Every structure is written in structure tokens, then in C-alpha cells.
Amino acid sequence: MIFDLHAHKDFKVGKSTVATVFIKAYNLLDRLNEIYVYDDTGRATYALYPRSDYGDEFGRHYLKDYLNRPTYYSSRG
């Protein structure tokens, strides 16, 4: 679950609004939202049986680099 915050405050003098302050914070708790997961664990962070064939992945020379997939996460909930 992603926690977003949207708040505003109106400052009034008499019946007139003289200023409005607002804040928007997305993913306030900095939680990673998994959208793709490994079949054997159901998590995007690790696999129990990592594949040994890296396919056509360019620049992934180590297994830990192969398992680290930033595209498996979404910034929005």
C-alpha cells in the first residue's frame, strides 16, 4: 500500500483568503510496490532458484545484478 499525502491550508483575513499553502507528498513512507515477482518466491527481491542463463541481458555479469530489477517495482500504488 502506498501512502500519499495531499493537504492545504487557507489563510484568511476577514472574509478574504489571502494565501493558500499546499503540500503533495507521493509514497511518503518510501515503500516499494512490487508489480512483477519471481514465480518461486512471489517476491521481486529474490528467487529461490535463480536462472543460470542470463539471456540477452547486457551488462549483467553477476547474479545479484541480474536479480535486482528496478522495473519490477512501481512508484505509484
PDB file of N, CA and C in Angstrom:
ATOM      1  N   MET A   1       0.833  -1.165   0.000  1.00  0.00           N
ATOM      2  CA  MET A   1       0.000   0.000   0.000  1.00  0.00           C
ATOM      3  C   MET A   1       0.888   1.241   0.000  1.00  0.00           C
ATOM      4  N   ILE A   2       0.599   2.148  -0.881  1.00  0.00           N
ATOM      5  CA  ILE A   2       1.335   3.405  -0.983  1.00  0.00           C
ATOM      6  C   ILE A   2       0.580   4.468  -0.196  1.00  0.00           C
ATOM      7  N   PHE A   3       1.314   5.286   0.553  1.00  0.00           N
ATOM      8  CA  PHE A   3       0.704   6.343   1.352  1.00  0.00           C
ATOM      9  C   PHE A   3       1.062   7.683   0.737  1.00  0.00           C
ATOM     10  N   ASP A   4       0.064   8.360   0.145  1.00  0.00           N
ATOM     11  CA  ASP A   4       0.238   9.692  -0.427  1.00  0.00           C
ATOM     12  C   ASP A   4      -0.428  10.703   0.495  1.00  0.00           C
ATOM     13  N   LEU A   5       0.118  11.913   0.518  1.00  0.00           N
ATOM     14  CA  LEU A   5      -0.430  12.963   1.358  1.00  0.00           C
ATOM     15  C   LEU A   5      -0.718  14.181   0.487  1.00  0.00           C
ATOM     16  N   HIS A   6      -1.940  14.675   0.576  1.00  0.00           N
ATOM     17  CA  HIS A   6      -2.360  15.910  -0.097  1.00  0.00           C
ATOM     18  C   HIS A   6      -3.047  16.767   0.965  1.00  0.00           C
ATOM     19  N   ALA A   7      -2.499  17.941   1.237  1.00  0.00           N
ATOM     20  CA  ALA A   7      -3.080  18.802   2.260  1.00  0.00           C
ATOM     21  C   ALA A   7      -2.976  20.260   1.820  1.00  0.00           C
ATOM     22  N   HIS A   8      -3.915  21.076   2.313  1.00  0.00           N
ATOM     23  CA  HIS A   8      -3.834  22.509   2.057  1.00  0.00           C
ATOM     24  C   HIS A   8      -4.393  23.276   3.252  1.00  0.00           C
ATOM     25  N   LYS A   9      -3.947  24.501   3.361  1.00  0.00           N
ATOM     26  CA  LYS A   9      -4.397  25.386   4.438  1.00  0.00           C
ATOM     27  C   LYS A   9      -4.644  26.759   3.837  1.00  0.00           C
ATOM     28  N   ASP A  10      -5.835  27.284   4.050  1.00  0.00           N
ATOM     29  CA  ASP A  10      -6.176  28.633   3.602  1.00  0.00           C
ATOM     30  C   ASP A  10      -5.974  29.606   4.749  1.00  0.00           C
ATOM     31  N   PHE A  11      -5.353  30.743   4.458  1.00  0.00           N
ATOM     32  CA  PHE A  11      -5.174  31.808   5.442  1.00  0.00           C
ATOM     33  C   PHE A  11      -6.094  32.954   5.052  1.00  0.00           C
ATOM     34  N   LYS A  12      -6.933  33.338   5.983  1.00  0.00           N
ATOM     35  CA  LYS A  12      -7.945  34.356   5.706  1.00  0.00           C
ATOM     36  C   LYS A  12      -7.744  35.575   6.587  1.00  0.00           C
ATOM     37  N   VAL A  13      -8.062  36.712   6.001  1.00  0.00           N
ATOM     38  CA  VAL A  13      -8.132  37.961   6.745  1.00  0.00           C
ATOM     39  C   VAL A  13      -9.545  38.473   6.518  1.00  0.00           C
ATOM     40  N   GLY A  14     -10.315  38.489   7.564  1.00  0.00           N
ATOM     41  CA  GLY A  14     -11.731  38.823   7.408  1.00  0.00           C
ATOM     42  C   GLY A  14     -12.422  37.695   6.653  1.00  0.00           C
ATOM     43  N   LYS A  15     -13.088  38.043   5.552  1.00  0.00           N
ATOM     44  CA  LYS A  15     -13.747  37.027   4.732  1.00  0.00           C
ATOM     45  C   LYS A  15     -12.938  36.683   3.487  1.00  0.00           C
ATOM     46  N   SER A  16     -11.796  37.313   3.306  1.00  0.00           N
ATOM     47  CA  SER A  16     -10.971  37.102   2.111  1.00  0.00           C
ATOM     48  C   SER A  16      -9.835  36.121   2.373  1.00  0.00           C
ATOM     49  N   THR A  17      -9.617  35.255   1.434  1.00  0.00           N
ATOM     50  CA  THR A  17      -8.473  34.347   1.503  1.00  0.00           C
ATOM     51  C   THR A  17      -7.254  35.074   0.939  1.00  0.00           C
ATOM     52  N   VAL A  18      -6.213  35.212   1.752  1.00  0.00           N
ATOM     53  CA  VAL A  18      -5.030  35.944   1.305  1.00  0.00           C
ATOM     54  C   VAL A  18      -3.911  35.028   0.843  1.00  0.00           C
ATOM     55  N   ALA A  19      -3.939  33.783   1.300  1.00  0.00           N
ATOM     56  CA  ALA A  19      -2.883  32.843   0.885  1.00  0.00           C
ATOM     57  C   ALA A  19      -3.385  31.416   1.076  1.00  0.00           C
ATOM     58  N   THR A  20      -2.883  30.545   0.226  1.00  0.00           N
ATOM     59  CA  THR A  20      -3.156  29.115   0.344  1.00  0.00           C
ATOM     60  C   THR A  20      -1.830  28.380   0.258  1.00  0.00           C
ATOM     61  N   VAL A  21      -1.579  27.534   1.219  1.00  0.00           N
ATOM     62  CA  VAL A  21      -0.371  26.713   1.240  1.00  0.00           C
ATOM     63  C   VAL A  21      -0.804  25.269   1.049  1.00  0.00           C
ATOM     64  N   PHE A  22      -0.099  24.553   0.160  1.00  0.00           N
ATOM     65  CA  PHE A  22      -0.451  23.154  -0.056  1.00  0.00           C
ATOM     66  C   PHE A  22       0.808  22.306  -0.128  1.00  0.00           C
ATOM     67  N   ILE A  23       0.610  21.038   0.151  1.00  0.00           N
ATOM     68  CA  ILE A  23       1.703  20.066   0.083  1.00  0.00           C
ATOM     69  C   ILE A  23       1.170  18.796  -0.563  1.00  0.00           C
ATOM     70  N   LYS A  24       1.978  18.222  -1.432  1.00  0.00           N
ATOM     71  CA  LYS A  24       1.676  16.926  -2.029  1.00  0.00           C
ATOM     72  C   LYS A  24       2.922  16.058  -1.865  1.00  0.00           C
ATOM     73  N   ALA A  25       2.754  14.946  -1.208  1.00  0.00           N
ATOM     74  CA  ALA A  25       3.855  14.010  -1.000  1.00  0.00           C
ATOM     75  C   ALA A  25       3.420  12.646  -1.525  1.00  0.00           C
ATOM     76  N   TYR A  26       4.182  12.112  -2.444  1.00  0.00           N
ATOM     77  CA  TYR A  26       3.876  10.806  -3.025  1.00  0.00           C
ATOM     78  C   TYR A  26       4.780   9.753  -2.409  1.00  0.00           C
ATOM     79  N   ASN A  27       4.216   8.605  -2.101  1.00  0.00           N
ATOM     80  CA  ASN A  27       4.948   7.492  -1.498  1.00  0.00           C
ATOM     81  C   ASN A  27       5.695   7.967  -0.253  1.00  0.00           C
ATOM     82  N   LEU A  28       4.947   8.524   0.659  1.00  0.00           N
ATOM     83  CA  LEU A  28       5.503   9.173   1.841  1.00  0.00           C
ATOM     84  C   LEU A  28       6.368   8.246   2.690  1.00  0.00           C
ATOM     85  N   LEU A  29       6.005   6.986   2.772  1.00  0.00           N
ATOM     86  CA  LEU A  29       6.770   6.036   3.589  1.00  0.00           C
ATOM     87  C   LEU A  29       7.857   5.322   2.792  1.00  0.00           C
ATOM     88  N   ASP A  30       8.033   5.700   1.529  1.00  0.00           N
ATOM     89  CA  ASP A  30       9.063   5.154   0.653  1.00  0.00           C
ATOM     90  C   ASP A  30       8.983   3.631   0.543  1.00  0.00           C
ATOM     91  N   ARG A  31       7.781   3.138   0.346  1.00  0.00           N
ATOM     92  CA  ARG A  31       7.577   1.697   0.205  1.00  0.00           C
ATOM     93  C   ARG A  31       7.721   1.288  -1.250  1.00  0.00           C
ATOM     94  N   LEU A  32       8.363   0.154  -1.477  1.00  0.00           N
ATOM     95  CA  LEU A  32       8.491  -0.390  -2.819  1.00  0.00           C
ATOM     96  C   LEU A  32       7.244  -1.207  -3.139  1.00  0.00           C
ATOM     97  N   ASN A  33       6.594  -0.901  -4.243  1.00  0.00           N
ATOM     98  CA  ASN A  33       5.382  -1.589  -4.652  1.00  0.00           C
ATOM     99  C   ASN A  33       5.747  -2.598  -5.739  1.00  0.00           C
ATOM    100  N   GLU A  34       5.717  -3.877  -5.404  1.00  0.00           N
ATOM    101  CA  GLU A  34       6.108  -4.927  -6.346  1.00  0.00           C
ATOM    102  C   GLU A  34       5.003  -5.154  -7.368  1.00  0.00           C
ATOM    103  N   ILE A  35       5.340  -5.038  -8.666  1.00  0.00           N
ATOM    104  CA  ILE A  35       4.344  -5.293  -9.704  1.00  0.00           C
ATOM    105  C   ILE A  35       4.655  -6.566 -10.476  1.00  0.00           C
ATOM    106  N   TYR A  36       5.902  -6.990 -10.484  1.00  0.00           N
ATOM    107  CA  TYR A  36       6.304  -8.270 -11.075  1.00  0.00           C
ATOM    108  C   TYR A  36       7.081  -9.033 -10.018  1.00  0.00           C
ATOM    109  N   VAL A  37       6.858 -10.329  -9.936  1.00  0.00           N
ATOM    110  CA  VAL A  37       7.529 -11.135  -8.919  1.00  0.00           C
ATOM    111  C   VAL A  37       8.090 -12.408  -9.554  1.00  0.00           C
ATOM    112  N   TYR A  38       9.038 -13.022  -8.866  1.00  0.00           N
ATOM    113  CA  TYR A  38       9.569 -14.304  -9.297  1.00  0.00           C
ATOM    114  C   TYR A  38       8.562 -15.397  -8.951  1.00  0.00           C
ATOM    115  N   ASP A  39       8.438 -16.376  -9.820  1.00  0.00           N
ATOM    116  CA  ASP A  39       7.430 -17.428  -9.655  1.00  0.00           C
ATOM    117  C   ASP A  39       7.631 -18.272  -8.398  1.00  0.00           C
ATOM    118  N   ASP A  40       8.879 -18.548  -8.039  1.00  0.00           N
ATOM    119  CA  ASP A  40       9.118 -19.472  -6.923  1.00  0.00           C
ATOM    120  C   ASP A  40       8.975 -18.829  -5.546  1.00  0.00           C
ATOM    121  N   THR A  41       9.125 -17.511  -5.434  1.00  0.00           N
ATOM    122  CA  THR A  41       9.013 -16.859  -4.127  1.00  0.00           C
ATOM    123  C   THR A  41       7.811 -15.938  -4.003  1.00  0.00           C
ATOM    124  N   GLY A  42       7.321 -15.445  -5.122  1.00  0.00           N
ATOM    125  CA  GLY A  42       6.246 -14.469  -5.062  1.00  0.00           C
ATOM    126  C   GLY A  42       6.711 -13.094  -4.646  1.00  0.00           C
ATOM    127  N   ARG A  43       8.009 -12.861  -4.674  1.00  0.00           N
ATOM    128  CA  ARG A  43       8.604 -11.573  -4.307  1.00  0.00           C
ATOM    129  C   ARG A  43       9.474 -11.074  -5.450  1.00  0.00           C
ATOM    130  N   ALA A  44       9.683  -9.779  -5.504  1.00  0.00           N
ATOM    131  CA  ALA A  44      10.525  -9.193  -6.545  1.00  0.00           C
ATOM    132  C   ALA A  44      11.978  -9.040  -6.099  1.00  0.00           C
ATOM    133  N   THR A  45      12.245  -9.311  -4.833  1.00  0.00           N
ATOM    134  CA  THR A  45      13.581  -9.071  -4.301  1.00  0.00           C
ATOM    135  C   THR A  45      14.531 -10.252  -4.441  1.00  0.00           C
ATOM    136  N   TYR A  46      14.012 -11.470  -4.525  1.00  0.00           N
ATOM    137  CA  TYR A  46      14.903 -12.625  -4.612  1.00  0.00           C
ATOM    138  C   TYR A  46      14.175 -13.819  -5.214  1.00  0.00           C
ATOM    139  N   ALA A  47      14.952 -14.775  -5.682  1.00  0.00           N
ATOM    140  CA  ALA A  47      14.411 -16.024  -6.216  1.00  0.00           C
ATOM    141  C   ALA A  47      15.106 -17.184  -5.527  1.00  0.00           C
ATOM    142  N   LEU A  48      14.359 -18.248  -5.239  1.00  0.00           N
ATOM    143  CA  LEU A  48      14.971 -19.431  -4.621  1.00  0.00           C
ATOM    144  C   LEU A  48      15.844 -20.184  -5.610  1.00  0.00           C
ATOM    145  N   TYR A  49      15.384 -20.247  -6.841  1.00  0.00           N
ATOM    146  CA  TYR A  49      16.106 -20.973  -7.872  1.00  0.00           C
ATOM    147  C   TYR A  49      16.446 -20.020  -9.014  1.00  0.00           C
ATOM    148  N   PRO A  50      17.454 -19.178  -8.817  1.00  0.00           N
ATOM    149  CA  PRO A  50      17.799 -18.223  -9.870  1.00  0.00           C
ATOM    150  C   PRO A  50      18.262 -18.929 -11.133  1.00  0.00           C
ATOM    151  N   ARG A  51      17.858 -18.395 -12.242  1.00  0.00           N
ATOM    152  CA  ARG A  51      18.252 -18.980 -13.520  1.00  0.00           C
ATOM    153  C   ARG A  51      19.731 -18.741 -13.765  1.00  0.00           C
ATOM    154  N   SER A  52      20.367 -19.703 -14.403  1.00  0.00           N
ATOM    155  CA  SER A  52      21.782 -19.535 -14.717  1.00  0.00           C
ATOM    156  C   SER A  52      21.981 -18.953 -16.101  1.00  0.00           C
ATOM    157  N   ASP A  53      20.949 -18.982 -16.929  1.00  0.00           N
ATOM    158  CA  ASP A  53      21.075 -18.388 -18.255  1.00  0.00           C
ATOM    159  C   ASP A  53      20.570 -16.954 -18.197  1.00  0.00           C
ATOM    160  N   TYR A  54      21.436 -16.023 -18.453  1.00  0.00           N
ATOM    161  CA  TYR A  54      21.091 -14.616 -18.338  1.00  0.00           C
ATOM    162  C   TYR A  54      20.494 -14.059 -19.613  1.00  0.00           C
ATOM    163  N   GLY A  55      20.309 -14.872 -20.636  1.00  0.00           N
ATOM    164  CA  GLY A  55      19.691 -14.416 -21.870  1.00  0.00           C
ATOM    165  C   GLY A  55      20.485 -13.320 -22.538  1.00  0.00           C
ATOM    166  N   ASP A  56      19.789 -12.352 -23.062  1.00  0.00           N
ATOM    167  CA  ASP A  56      20.430 -11.243 -23.755  1.00  0.00           C
ATOM    168  C   ASP A  56      20.570 -10.009 -22.871  1.00  0.00           C
ATOM    169  N   GLU A  57      20.652 -10.194 -21.585  1.00  0.00           N
ATOM    170  CA  GLU A  57      20.798  -9.073 -20.680  1.00  0.00           C
ATOM    171  C   GLU A  57      22.199  -8.508 -20.800  1.00  0.00           C
ATOM    172  N   PHE A  58      22.312  -7.298 -21.293  1.00  0.00           N
ATOM    173  CA  PHE A  58      23.616  -6.661 -21.466  1.00  0.00           C
ATOM    174  C   PHE A  58      24.072  -6.041 -20.150  1.00  0.00           C
ATOM    175  N   GLY A  59      25.299  -6.270 -19.777  1.00  0.00           N
ATOM    176  CA  GLY A  59      25.889  -5.631 -18.615  1.00  0.00           C
ATOM    177  C   GLY A  59      25.562  -6.278 -17.285  1.00  0.00           C
ATOM    178  N   ARG A  60      24.890  -7.400 -17.263  1.00  0.00           N
ATOM    179  CA  ARG A  60      24.575  -8.078 -16.000  1.00  0.00           C
ATOM    180  C   ARG A  60      25.537  -9.252 -15.859  1.00  0.00           C
ATOM    181  N   HIS A  61      26.647  -9.019 -15.177  1.00  0.00           N
ATOM    182  CA  HIS A  61      27.699 -10.026 -15.082  1.00  0.00           C
ATOM    183  C   HIS A  61      27.600 -10.869 -13.817  1.00  0.00           C
ATOM    184  N   TYR A  62      26.918 -10.386 -12.812  1.00  0.00           N
ATOM    185  CA  TYR A  62      26.799 -11.105 -11.557  1.00  0.00           C
ATOM    186  C   TYR A  62      25.336 -11.438 -11.291  1.00  0.00           C
ATOM    187  N   LEU A  63      25.101 -12.526 -10.581  1.00  0.00           N
ATOM    188  CA  LEU A  63      23.741 -12.968 -10.307  1.00  0.00           C
ATOM    189  C   LEU A  63      22.948 -11.928  -9.531  1.00  0.00           C
ATOM    190  N   LYS A  64      23.578 -11.278  -8.551  1.00  0.00           N
ATOM    191  CA  LYS A  64      22.867 -10.271  -7.765  1.00  0.00           C
ATOM    192  C   LYS A  64      22.428  -9.095  -8.636  1.00  0.00           C
ATOM    193  N   ASP A  65      23.199  -8.762  -9.665  1.00  0.00           N
ATOM    194  CA  ASP A  65      22.807  -7.706 -10.588  1.00  0.00           C
ATOM    195  C   ASP A  65      21.650  -8.151 -11.464  1.00  0.00           C
ATOM    196  N   TYR A  66      21.615  -9.407 -11.811  1.00  0.00           N
ATOM    197  CA  TYR A  66      20.519  -9.940 -12.621  1.00  0.00           C
ATOM    198  C   TYR A  66      19.209  -9.955 -11.831  1.00  0.00           C
ATOM    199  N   LEU A  67      19.282 -10.304 -10.547  1.00  0.00           N
ATOM    200  CA  LEU A  67      18.082 -10.385  -9.724  1.00  0.00           C
ATOM    201  C   LEU A  67      17.562  -9.020  -9.306  1.00  0.00           C
ATOM    202  N   ASN A  68      18.406  -8.004  -9.337  1.00  0.00           N
ATOM    203  CA  ASN A  68      17.993  -6.652  -8.981  1.00  0.00           C
ATOM    204  C   ASN A  68      17.329  -6.012 -10.198  1.00  0.00           C
ATOM    205  N   ARG A  69      16.019  -5.975 -10.216  1.00  0.00           N
ATOM    206  CA  ARG A  69      15.264  -5.456 -11.355  1.00  0.00           C
ATOM    207  C   ARG A  69      14.442  -4.243 -10.936  1.00  0.00           C
ATOM    208  N   PRO A  70      14.906  -3.029 -11.171  1.00  0.00           N
ATOM    209  CA  PRO A  70      14.122  -1.842 -10.805  1.00  0.00           C
ATOM    210  C   PRO A  70      12.776  -1.774 -11.525  1.00  0.00           C
ATOM    211  N   THR A  71      12.666  -2.400 -12.692  1.00  0.00           N
ATOM    212  CA  THR A  71      11.403  -2.366 -13.424  1.00  0.00           C
ATOM    213  C   THR A  71      10.348  -3.278 -12.807  1.00  0.00           C
ATOM    214  N   TYR A  72      10.714  -4.071 -11.815  1.00  0.00           N
ATOM    215  CA  TYR A  72       9.752  -4.930 -11.125  1.00  0.00           C
ATOM    216  C   TYR A  72       8.947  -4.156 -10.072  1.00  0.00           C
ATOM    217  N   TYR A  73       9.246  -2.875  -9.902  1.00  0.00           N
ATOM    218  CA  TYR A  73       8.587  -2.046  -8.895  1.00  0.00           C
ATOM    219  C   TYR A  73       7.876  -0.872  -9.557  1.00  0.00           C
ATOM    220  N   SER A  74       6.813  -0.431  -8.916  1.00  0.00           N
ATOM    221  CA  SER A  74       6.077   0.744  -9.376  1.00  0.00           C
ATOM    222  C   SER A  74       6.211   1.836  -8.322  1.00  0.00           C
ATOM    223  N   SER A  75       6.270   3.062  -8.755  1.00  0.00           N
ATOM    224  CA  SER A  75       6.351   4.164  -7.796  1.00  0.00           C
ATOM    225  C   SER A  75       4.976   4.617  -7.343  1.00  0.00           C
ATOM    226  N   ARG A  76       3.943   4.161  -8.029  1.00  0.00           N
ATOM    227  CA  ARG A  76       2.574   4.545  -7.690  1.00  0.00           C
ATOM    228  C   ARG A  76       1.776   3.311  -7.277  1.00  0.00           C
ATOM    229  N   GLY A  77       0.819   3.471  -6.420  1.00  0.00           N
ATOM    230  CA  GLY A  77       0.007   2.360  -5.954  1.00  0.00           C
ATOM    231  C   GLY A  77      -1.300   2.219  -6.618  1.00  0.00           C
TER     232      GLY A  77
END
